[in-house]
């Protein structure tokens, strides 16, 4: 293979690797980070103590109960806000997130014939049962009389499940193959390159650029998501939820950026004619011991 052809092939492979790296990180985050119920609940758990989330819960629940019961919403908001500072609320928060996530994942993995004919629902008993146990453990009066009824609440309508299911299966495949393809393309591009040092540098800089663009995309998506919310008072709570869910993705973008810049800097430092290498060689020459002169020959009298 001629050097020009090797250079062109290496450039194409390196470009594909740098392009797939951020998309691979995004697909892996979506397919592995968001689909694990235990990890999702652990990610959402700290939000139970977030002030913005507590205020949003108090406003939503208080207004809903007041509308159904015909009571003063201000009083109910204060009562719900006080409840959000208890352990029982944190238990209900975790149980609700676990029940909702389990229901959505069960619907996405459903293979039955009538899977698209009914909405995704969650049983409120999955929330009220641990809540009742926590209230009883806290010795709340009449906690043992809290009813645990199996009431189904709709989470997702049936008309959008088909598209969600297809997208989920695409992410499952992409989350594994895109990062693997990025690594394979990078190794292949460096192997066929005429100057492997330049290929490594190009791959590293492209990976760093991909990480920076991924972080920028996360920030832009956050701004667009919050700007589309009709209620501005709930934007701080939505921002807290968005930041919690995308924390791993932001970490991945920083890792790609740091890894790419580190490798690029290392290849620049260790190249043969770099100023750093010349300086080290100069110091070694100066520090080398000067050999002693050979002794002068002496005359031997016969």
Protein backbone atom coordinates (compact mmCIF):
# COMPACT_ATOMS: atom_id res chain seq x y z
CA UNK A 1 0.00 0.00 0.00
CA UNK A 2 1.41 3.38 -1.01
CA UNK A 3 2.13 6.00 1.69
CA UNK A 4 -0.49 8.40 0.31
CA UNK A 5 -3.17 5.71 0.41
CA UNK A 6 -2.17 4.73 3.95
CA UNK A 7 -2.38 8.36 5.03
CA UNK A 8 -5.84 8.80 3.50
CA UNK A 9 -7.13 5.56 5.02
CA UNK A 10 -5.73 6.50 8.41
CA UNK A 11 -7.37 9.92 8.25
CA UNK A 12 -10.75 8.39 7.46
CA UNK A 13 -10.51 5.83 10.28
CA UNK A 14 -9.37 8.42 12.79
CA UNK A 15 -12.17 10.79 11.77
CA UNK A 16 -14.75 8.03 12.20
CA UNK A 17 -13.35 7.20 15.62
CA UNK A 18 -13.50 10.80 16.79
CA UNK A 19 -17.04 11.14 15.43
CA UNK A 20 -18.31 7.99 17.10
CA UNK A 21 -16.73 8.67 20.50
CA UNK A 22 -19.25 11.28 21.75
CA UNK A 23 -22.19 9.46 20.18
CA UNK A 24 -21.01 6.24 21.79
CA UNK A 25 -20.83 7.91 25.19
CA UNK A 26 -24.34 9.31 24.71
CA UNK A 27 -25.78 5.95 23.63
CA UNK A 28 -24.04 4.08 26.46
CA UNK A 29 -25.38 6.58 28.99
CA UNK A 30 -28.92 6.25 27.67
CA UNK A 31 -28.91 2.47 27.33
CA UNK A 32 -27.10 1.59 30.56
CA UNK A 33 -27.40 4.60 32.84
CA UNK A 34 -31.10 5.34 32.44
CA UNK A 35 -32.43 1.79 32.15
CA UNK A 36 -31.09 0.41 35.43
CA UNK A 37 -33.83 0.76 38.04
CA UNK A 38 -31.54 0.57 41.05
CA UNK A 39 -29.17 3.14 39.61
CA UNK A 40 -32.07 5.40 38.64
CA UNK A 41 -33.52 5.31 42.15
CA UNK A 42 -30.09 6.01 43.65
CA UNK A 43 -29.65 8.97 41.29
CA UNK A 44 -33.05 10.43 42.12
CA UNK A 45 -32.85 9.81 45.88
CA UNK A 46 -30.87 12.99 46.78
CA UNK A 47 -33.48 15.12 45.00
CA UNK A 48 -35.95 14.36 47.77
CA UNK A 49 -34.06 16.91 49.90
CA UNK A 50 -33.63 19.49 47.14
CA UNK A 51 -35.53 22.70 48.07
CA UNK A 52 -36.72 23.35 44.52
CA UNK A 53 -38.05 19.81 44.15
CA UNK A 54 -39.75 19.95 47.54
CA UNK A 55 -41.47 23.22 46.63
CA UNK A 56 -42.62 21.78 43.30
CA UNK A 57 -44.01 18.68 45.03
CA UNK A 58 -45.77 20.81 47.65
CA UNK A 59 -47.35 23.05 45.01
CA UNK A 60 -48.45 20.19 42.76
CA UNK A 61 -49.79 17.89 45.46
CA UNK A 62 -51.29 20.71 47.50
CA UNK A 63 -53.13 22.21 44.53
CA UNK A 64 -54.37 18.80 43.42
CA UNK A 65 -55.72 17.83 46.81
CA UNK A 66 -57.27 21.28 47.31
CA UNK A 67 -58.98 21.06 43.95
CA UNK A 68 -60.45 17.65 44.76
CA UNK A 69 -61.45 18.46 48.34
CA UNK A 70 -62.46 22.10 47.88
CA UNK A 71 -60.01 23.33 50.54
CA UNK A 72 -57.59 26.25 50.81
CA UNK A 73 -54.52 25.44 48.64
CA UNK A 74 -52.18 27.63 50.72
CA UNK A 75 -52.83 25.58 53.86
CA UNK A 76 -52.36 22.32 52.01
CA UNK A 77 -49.14 23.52 50.41
CA UNK A 78 -47.68 24.30 53.84
CA UNK A 79 -48.80 20.92 55.15
CA UNK A 80 -47.26 19.03 52.21
CA UNK A 81 -44.08 21.12 52.44
CA UNK A 82 -43.74 20.12 56.11
CA UNK A 83 -44.28 16.49 55.13
CA UNK A 84 -41.44 16.68 52.57
CA UNK A 85 -38.98 17.13 55.45
CA UNK A 86 -39.81 13.72 56.98
CA UNK A 87 -38.33 10.28 56.45
CA UNK A 88 -41.71 9.03 55.33
CA UNK A 89 -41.63 11.43 52.38
CA UNK A 90 -38.18 10.21 51.34
CA UNK A 91 -39.44 6.63 51.55
CA UNK A 92 -42.45 7.50 49.39
CA UNK A 93 -40.17 9.37 46.96
CA UNK A 94 -37.90 6.36 46.47
CA UNK A 95 -40.82 3.96 46.22
CA UNK A 96 -42.58 6.15 43.67
CA UNK A 97 -39.49 6.47 41.47
CA UNK A 98 -38.84 2.74 41.66
CA UNK A 99 -42.44 1.86 40.81
CA UNK A 100 -42.59 4.31 37.89
CA UNK A 101 -39.24 3.22 36.44
CA UNK A 102 -40.11 -0.46 36.80
CA UNK A 103 -43.43 0.07 35.02
CA UNK A 104 -41.80 1.94 32.12
CA UNK A 105 -39.04 -0.64 31.67
CA UNK A 106 -41.56 -3.48 31.81
CA UNK A 107 -43.53 -1.79 29.03
CA UNK A 108 -40.42 -1.23 26.90
CA UNK A 109 -39.45 -4.90 27.20
CA UNK A 110 -42.98 -6.21 26.72
CA UNK A 111 -43.24 -8.71 23.86
CA UNK A 112 -46.94 -9.54 24.11
CA UNK A 113 -49.32 -9.14 21.18
CA UNK A 114 -51.44 -6.42 22.83
CA UNK A 115 -48.51 -4.46 24.21
CA UNK A 116 -49.51 -1.24 22.41
CA UNK A 117 -53.19 -1.35 23.31
CA UNK A 118 -53.00 -0.20 26.92
CA UNK A 119 -51.15 2.65 28.67
CA UNK A 120 -48.23 2.31 31.06
CA UNK A 121 -49.62 2.39 34.60
CA UNK A 122 -48.18 2.25 38.10
CA UNK A 123 -49.88 0.76 41.13
CA UNK A 124 -50.13 3.26 43.98
CA UNK A 125 -49.95 0.38 46.45
CA UNK A 126 -46.22 0.19 45.65
CA UNK A 127 -45.92 3.70 47.13
CA UNK A 128 -48.46 3.62 49.96
CA UNK A 129 -47.26 0.29 51.35
CA UNK A 130 -43.67 1.40 52.24
CA UNK A 131 -45.08 4.77 53.27
CA UNK A 132 -47.41 3.08 55.75
CA UNK A 133 -44.55 1.00 57.14
CA UNK A 134 -42.40 4.12 57.63
CA UNK A 135 -45.22 6.03 59.33
CA UNK A 136 -45.82 3.08 61.64
CA UNK A 137 -42.11 2.87 62.47
CA UNK A 138 -42.14 6.60 63.29
CA UNK A 139 -45.09 6.02 65.67
CA UNK A 140 -47.40 8.37 63.77
CA UNK A 141 -50.93 8.19 65.24
CA UNK A 142 -53.39 6.12 63.19
CA UNK A 143 -50.65 5.13 60.74
CA UNK A 144 -51.84 1.52 60.82
CA UNK A 145 -55.20 2.68 59.46
CA UNK A 146 -53.77 4.14 56.26
CA UNK A 147 -55.47 2.23 53.42
CA UNK A 148 -53.29 0.41 50.91
CA UNK A 149 -55.38 0.25 47.77
CA UNK A 150 -54.32 -1.07 44.39
CA UNK A 151 -55.07 1.96 42.24
CA UNK A 152 -53.60 2.23 38.75
CA UNK A 153 -52.30 5.62 37.58
CA UNK A 154 -51.40 6.14 33.92
CA UNK A 155 -47.85 7.25 33.17
CA UNK A 156 -47.58 6.99 29.37
CA UNK A 157 -50.33 6.83 26.74
CA UNK A 158 -50.45 3.77 24.46
CA UNK A 159 -50.08 5.74 21.20
CA UNK A 160 -46.43 6.62 21.88
CA UNK A 161 -45.20 3.26 23.17
CA UNK A 162 -44.27 1.84 19.77
CA UNK A 163 -41.85 4.69 19.01
CA UNK A 164 -40.38 4.57 22.50
CA UNK A 165 -39.87 0.82 22.25
CA UNK A 166 -38.07 1.11 18.91
CA UNK A 167 -35.85 3.88 20.21
CA UNK A 168 -35.04 1.86 23.30
CA UNK A 169 -33.96 -1.18 21.28
CA UNK A 170 -31.84 1.01 18.99
CA UNK A 171 -30.10 2.47 22.04
CA UNK A 172 -29.48 -1.02 23.39
CA UNK A 173 -27.56 -1.92 20.24
CA UNK A 174 -25.85 1.45 19.83
CA UNK A 175 -24.78 1.62 23.47
CA UNK A 176 -22.57 -1.42 22.99
CA UNK A 177 -21.40 -1.20 19.38
CA UNK A 178 -20.69 2.53 19.00
CA UNK A 179 -17.99 2.73 21.73
CA UNK A 180 -16.48 -0.54 20.48
CA UNK A 181 -16.43 0.72 16.89
CA UNK A 182 -14.78 3.97 18.01
CA UNK A 183 -11.95 2.04 19.68
CA UNK A 184 -11.52 -0.31 16.69
CA UNK A 185 -11.39 2.58 14.22
CA UNK A 186 -8.86 4.45 16.36
CA UNK A 187 -6.53 1.45 16.68
CA UNK A 188 -6.84 0.66 12.96
CA UNK A 189 -6.21 4.26 11.93
CA UNK A 190 -3.08 4.48 14.07
CA UNK A 191 -1.82 1.09 12.84
CA UNK A 192 -2.00 1.89 9.11
CA UNK A 193 -0.68 5.45 9.44
CA UNK A 194 2.68 6.35 7.95
CA UNK A 195 3.43 8.57 10.96
CA UNK A 196 1.85 6.92 13.95
CA UNK A 197 2.78 9.78 16.24
CA UNK A 198 0.74 12.20 14.14
CA UNK A 199 -2.13 9.72 14.00
CA UNK A 200 -2.13 9.38 17.79
CA UNK A 201 -2.07 13.16 18.15
CA UNK A 202 -4.95 13.60 15.69
CA UNK A 203 -6.99 10.91 17.45
CA UNK A 204 -6.37 12.47 20.83
CA UNK A 205 -7.28 15.99 19.71
CA UNK A 206 -10.38 14.71 17.91
CA UNK A 207 -11.48 12.83 21.02
CA UNK A 208 -10.99 15.96 23.12
CA UNK A 209 -13.03 17.98 20.64
CA UNK A 210 -15.78 15.36 20.74
CA UNK A 211 -15.86 15.51 24.53
CA UNK A 212 -16.12 19.29 24.46
CA UNK A 213 -18.96 19.18 21.91
CA UNK A 214 -20.77 16.56 24.00
CA UNK A 215 -20.61 18.76 27.09
CA UNK A 216 -21.81 21.74 25.04
CA UNK A 217 -24.72 19.67 23.69
CA UNK A 218 -25.75 18.69 27.23
CA UNK A 219 -25.74 22.34 28.29
CA UNK A 220 -27.75 23.46 25.24
CA UNK A 221 -30.27 20.64 25.75
CA UNK A 222 -30.71 21.72 29.35
CA UNK A 223 -31.49 25.29 28.33
CA UNK A 224 -33.95 24.17 25.66
CA UNK A 225 -35.66 21.69 27.99
CA UNK A 226 -36.21 24.26 30.71
CA UNK A 227 -37.34 26.97 28.31
CA UNK A 228 -40.11 24.70 26.99
CA UNK A 229 -41.71 24.30 30.42
CA UNK A 230 -44.93 26.30 30.64
CA UNK A 231 -44.64 26.89 34.41
CA UNK A 232 -41.57 28.97 35.20
CA UNK A 233 -41.86 28.31 38.93
CA UNK A 234 -41.07 24.62 38.36
CA UNK A 235 -37.97 25.24 36.23
CA UNK A 236 -35.53 25.06 39.18
CA UNK A 237 -36.93 21.64 40.11
CA UNK A 238 -36.77 20.44 36.51
CA UNK A 239 -33.19 21.73 36.29
CA UNK A 240 -32.23 19.77 39.40
CA UNK A 241 -33.73 16.59 37.92
CA UNK A 242 -31.98 17.19 34.59
CA UNK A 243 -28.63 17.77 36.28
CA UNK A 244 -29.00 14.59 38.35
CA UNK A 245 -29.84 12.45 35.34
CA UNK A 246 -27.05 13.86 33.14
CA UNK A 247 -24.31 13.88 35.79
CA UNK A 248 -22.74 10.71 34.36
CA UNK A 249 -22.92 12.09 30.83
CA UNK A 250 -21.20 15.31 31.86
CA UNK A 251 -18.50 13.28 33.60
CA UNK A 252 -17.99 11.26 30.42
CA UNK A 253 -17.58 14.44 28.38
CA UNK A 254 -14.95 15.76 30.79
CA UNK A 255 -13.13 12.41 30.72
CA UNK A 256 -13.02 12.44 26.90
CA UNK A 257 -11.71 16.00 26.95
CA UNK A 258 -9.09 15.32 29.62
CA UNK A 259 -7.97 12.02 28.07
CA UNK A 260 -7.60 13.52 24.61
CA UNK A 261 -5.62 16.54 25.80
CA UNK A 262 -3.41 14.39 28.02
CA UNK A 263 -2.51 11.97 25.23
CA UNK A 264 -1.91 14.83 22.79
CA UNK A 265 0.38 16.58 25.26
CA UNK A 266 2.24 13.33 25.98
CA UNK A 267 2.89 12.64 22.29
CA UNK A 268 4.17 16.18 21.86
CA UNK A 269 6.53 15.84 24.80
CA UNK A 270 8.03 12.50 23.82
CA UNK A 271 8.63 13.17 20.13
CA UNK A 272 12.19 12.93 19.03
CA UNK A 273 12.87 16.55 18.15
CA UNK A 274 10.70 18.22 20.77
CA UNK A 275 12.25 21.00 22.90
CA UNK A 276 11.68 19.01 26.05
CA UNK A 277 13.59 15.99 24.74
CA UNK A 278 16.44 18.19 23.53
CA UNK A 279 16.60 19.86 26.92
CA UNK A 280 16.76 16.49 28.68
CA UNK A 281 19.51 15.30 26.36
CA UNK A 282 21.47 18.50 26.97
CA UNK A 283 21.19 18.03 30.72
CA UNK A 284 22.37 14.41 30.43
CA UNK A 285 25.41 15.48 28.42
CA UNK A 286 26.28 18.18 30.93
CA UNK A 287 25.81 15.82 33.86
CA UNK A 288 27.87 12.99 32.35
CA UNK A 289 31.26 12.50 34.07
CA UNK A 290 34.29 13.65 32.09
CA UNK A 291 36.62 10.68 31.41
CA UNK A 292 40.06 10.94 32.98
CA UNK A 293 42.97 11.46 30.52
CA UNK A 294 45.14 8.41 29.92
CA UNK A 295 48.43 8.33 31.89
CA UNK A 296 51.55 9.50 30.08
CA UNK A 297 53.97 6.74 29.13
CA UNK A 298 57.17 6.57 31.19
CA UNK A 299 60.63 5.80 29.81
CA UNK A 300 62.27 2.67 31.05
CA UNK A 301 66.08 2.75 31.11
CA UNK A 302 67.53 -0.37 29.66
